[in-house]
C-alpha atoms as a PDB file:
ATOM      1  CA  MET A   1     138.779 134.182  75.979  1.00  0.00           C
ATOM      2  CA  ALA A   2     138.062 137.527  77.659  1.00  0.00           C
ATOM      3  CA  GLY A   3     135.737 139.163  80.111  1.00  0.00           C
ATOM      4  CA  GLU A   4     133.254 137.747  81.910  1.00  0.00           C
ATOM      5  CA  TYR A   5     130.033 137.363  80.230  1.00  0.00           C
ATOM      6  CA  GLU A   6     131.574 139.305  77.439  1.00  0.00           C
ATOM      7  CA  LEU A   7     131.622 142.430  79.526  1.00  0.00           C
ATOM      8  CA  ASP A   8     134.480 143.570  77.627  1.00  0.00           C
ATOM      9  CA  ARG A   9     132.912 143.538  74.070  1.00  0.00           C
ATOM     10  CA  VAL A  10     130.223 145.451  75.549  1.00  0.00           C
ATOM     11  CA  VAL A  11     132.044 148.036  77.288  1.00  0.00           C
ATOM     12  CA  ARG A  12     134.157 148.346  73.882  1.00  0.00           C
ATOM     13  CA  GLU A  13     131.230 148.423  71.422  1.00  0.00           C
ATOM     14  CA  ARG A  14     128.959 150.353  73.686  1.00  0.00           C
ATOM     15  CA  HIS A  15     131.339 153.336  74.857  1.00  0.00           C
ATOM     16  CA  PHE A  16     134.437 153.329  72.443  1.00  0.00           C
ATOM     17  CA  ALA A  17     133.241 151.845  69.216  1.00  0.00           C
ATOM     18  CA  GLU A  18     134.476 154.755  67.193  1.00  0.00           C
ATOM     19  CA  VAL A  19     137.938 155.109  69.086  1.00  0.00           C
ATOM     20  CA  THR A  20     140.643 153.770  67.291  1.00  0.00           C
ATOM     21  CA  SER A  21     143.454 154.143  70.143  1.00  0.00           C
ATOM     22  CA  GLY A  22     143.391 154.980  73.623  1.00  0.00           C
ATOM     23  CA  VAL A  23     144.691 153.864  77.115  1.00  0.00           C
ATOM     24  CA  LEU A  24     142.806 151.774  79.405  1.00  0.00           C
ATOM     25  CA  ILE A  25     143.737 151.277  82.783  1.00  0.00           C
ATOM     26  CA  GLU A  26     142.136 148.252  84.284  1.00  0.00           C
ATOM     27  CA  VAL A  27     141.826 148.149  88.114  1.00  0.00           C
ATOM     28  CA  GLY A  28     141.647 144.645  89.167  1.00  0.00           C
ATOM     29  CA  ALA A  29     142.984 143.019  85.725  1.00  0.00           C
ATOM     30  CA  ALA A  30     142.976 139.383  86.556  1.00  0.00           C
ATOM     31  CA  GLY A  31     144.584 137.154  84.075  1.00  0.00           C
ATOM     32  CA  PRO A  32     145.886 138.907  80.804  1.00  0.00           C
ATOM     33  CA  ASN A  33     143.051 136.933  78.866  1.00  0.00           C
ATOM     34  CA  TYR A  34     140.731 135.583  81.493  1.00  0.00           C
ATOM     35  CA  LEU A  35     138.109 137.686  83.562  1.00  0.00           C
ATOM     36  CA  SER A  36     139.593 140.807  81.826  1.00  0.00           C
ATOM     37  CA  ILE A  37     138.371 143.627  79.540  1.00  0.00           C
ATOM     38  CA  GLY A  38     141.944 144.465  78.302  1.00  0.00           C
ATOM     39  CA  GLU A  39     142.401 142.101  75.827  1.00  0.00           C
ATOM     40  CA  THR A  40     139.686 143.130  73.575  1.00  0.00           C
ATOM     41  CA  PHE A  41     141.337 146.834  73.892  1.00  0.00           C
ATOM     42  CA  ARG A  42     144.990 145.573  73.094  1.00  0.00           C
ATOM     43  CA  ALA A  43     143.396 143.821  70.009  1.00  0.00           C
ATOM     44  CA  ALA A  44     142.163 147.033  68.952  1.00  0.00           C
ATOM     45  CA  GLY A  45     145.264 148.947  69.258  1.00  0.00           C
ATOM     46  CA  TRP A  46     144.966 150.366  72.773  1.00  0.00           C
ATOM     47  CA  GLN A  47     147.914 150.724  75.325  1.00  0.00           C
ATOM     48  CA  VAL A  48     146.595 148.596  78.497  1.00  0.00           C
ATOM     49  CA  ILE A  49     147.821 149.577  82.259  1.00  0.00           C
ATOM     50  CA  ALA A  50     147.218 146.576  84.508  1.00  0.00           C
ATOM     51  CA  ILE A  51     146.496 147.219  88.182  1.00  0.00           C
ATOM     52  CA  GLU A  52     146.322 143.788  89.777  1.00  0.00           C
ATOM     53  CA  PRO A  53     147.285 142.511  93.191  1.00  0.00           C
ATOM     54  CA  ASN A  54     147.444 138.963  92.824  1.00  0.00           C
ATOM     55  CA  PRO A  55     151.117 137.744  92.057  1.00  0.00           C
ATOM     56  CA  LEU A  56     150.336 135.049  89.823  1.00  0.00           C
ATOM     57  CA  PHE A  57     148.146 137.136  87.477  1.00  0.00           C
ATOM     58  CA  CYS A  58     150.835 139.841  87.358  1.00  0.00           C
ATOM     59  CA  ALA A  59     153.320 137.281  86.602  1.00  0.00           C
ATOM     60  CA  ALA A  60     151.038 136.247  83.318  1.00  0.00           C
ATOM     61  CA  HIS A  61     150.796 139.417  82.502  1.00  0.00           C
ATOM     62  CA  ARG A  62     154.424 140.350  82.703  1.00  0.00           C
ATOM     63  CA  SER A  63     155.111 136.851  80.820  1.00  0.00           C
ATOM     64  CA  LEU A  64     153.218 138.637  77.734  1.00  0.00           C
ATOM     65  CA  CYS A  65     155.063 141.711  77.874  1.00  0.00           C
ATOM     66  CA  HIS A  66     152.191 143.750  79.410  1.00  0.00           C
ATOM     67  CA  ASP A  67     152.207 146.851  81.496  1.00  0.00           C
ATOM     68  CA  VAL A  68     151.334 145.684  84.799  1.00  0.00           C
ATOM     69  CA  PHE A  69     151.826 147.145  88.416  1.00  0.00           C
ATOM     70  CA  GLU A  70     151.315 145.143  91.171  1.00  0.00           C
ATOM     71  CA  TYR A  71     149.318 146.656  93.966  1.00  0.00           C
ATOM     72  CA  ALA A  72     145.975 146.523  95.398  1.00  0.00           C
ATOM     73  CA  VAL A  73     143.628 149.422  95.206  1.00  0.00           C
ATOM     74  CA  SER A  74     142.005 150.944  98.231  1.00  0.00           C
ATOM     75  CA  ASP A  75     140.005 154.163  99.389  1.00  0.00           C
ATOM     76  CA  THR A  76     143.104 154.898 101.499  1.00  0.00           C
ATOM     77  CA  ASN A  77     146.519 155.239 101.156  1.00  0.00           C
ATOM     78  CA  GLN A  78     148.762 152.469 103.396  1.00  0.00           C
ATOM     79  CA  ASP A  79     151.697 150.497 103.037  1.00  0.00           C
ATOM     80  CA  ASP A  80     152.516 147.122 104.692  1.00  0.00           C
ATOM     81  CA  VAL A  81     148.748 146.042 104.352  1.00  0.00           C
ATOM     82  CA  PRO A  82     148.656 142.308 104.614  1.00  0.00           C
ATOM     83  CA  PHE A  83     147.065 140.788 101.437  1.00  0.00           C
ATOM     84  CA  THR A  84     146.071 137.155 100.942  1.00  0.00           C
ATOM     85  CA  VAL A  85     145.093 135.280  97.520  1.00  0.00           C
ATOM     86  CA  VAL A  86     142.524 132.838  98.108  1.00  0.00           C
ATOM     87  CA  ASP A  87     143.236 129.313  97.721  1.00  0.00           C
ATOM     88  CA  SER A  88     140.301 128.119  95.501  1.00  0.00           C
ATOM     89  CA  LYS A  89     141.377 124.198  96.294  1.00  0.00           C
ATOM     90  CA  GLY A  90     140.706 123.482  92.607  1.00  0.00           C
ATOM     91  CA  ALA A  91     137.139 124.670  92.457  1.00  0.00           C
ATOM     92  CA  GLU A  92     135.880 124.865  88.698  1.00  0.00           C
ATOM     93  CA  ILE A  93     136.172 128.168  87.691  1.00  0.00           C
ATOM     94  CA  ARG A  94     133.400 128.824  84.570  1.00  0.00           C
ATOM     95  CA  GLY A  95     135.940 128.907  81.370  1.00  0.00           C
ATOM     96  CA  ARG A  96     139.073 128.700  83.066  1.00  0.00           C
ATOM     97  CA  PRO A  97     141.890 128.683  80.842  1.00  0.00           C
ATOM     98  CA  SER A  98     144.920 125.950  80.986  1.00  0.00           C
ATOM     99  CA  PHE A  99     147.132 128.984  82.531  1.00  0.00           C
ATOM    100  CA  LEU A 100     144.890 129.063  85.220  1.00  0.00           C
ATOM    101  CA  ARG A 101     144.909 125.118  85.788  1.00  0.00           C
ATOM    102  CA  LYS A 102     148.580 125.476  86.310  1.00  0.00           C
ATOM    103  CA  LEU A 103     148.549 128.261  88.918  1.00  0.00           C
ATOM    104  CA  PHE A 104     145.843 126.904  90.940  1.00  0.00           C
END
């Protein structure tokens, strides 16, 4: 499983079909193989650097030895800004993989 509505495949095929390697910086990377365009690029030999504020998603990336930076991205540079991970309270997430069932 990869990006939502196969967005990963669309981006790769439309914009990078002939590119055999590169670096993708994915801001808001979500899970390593869920709601992320990174998996498709990793499979094609690219280096993917994930930037993701959710500690659970970051742990999932780290467990696969992916490059991940645990930061939220904004238009301002501030430290010590509160960040809240929303509790989905078991709501169904389309195509949710098993690692998310364990986390949420």
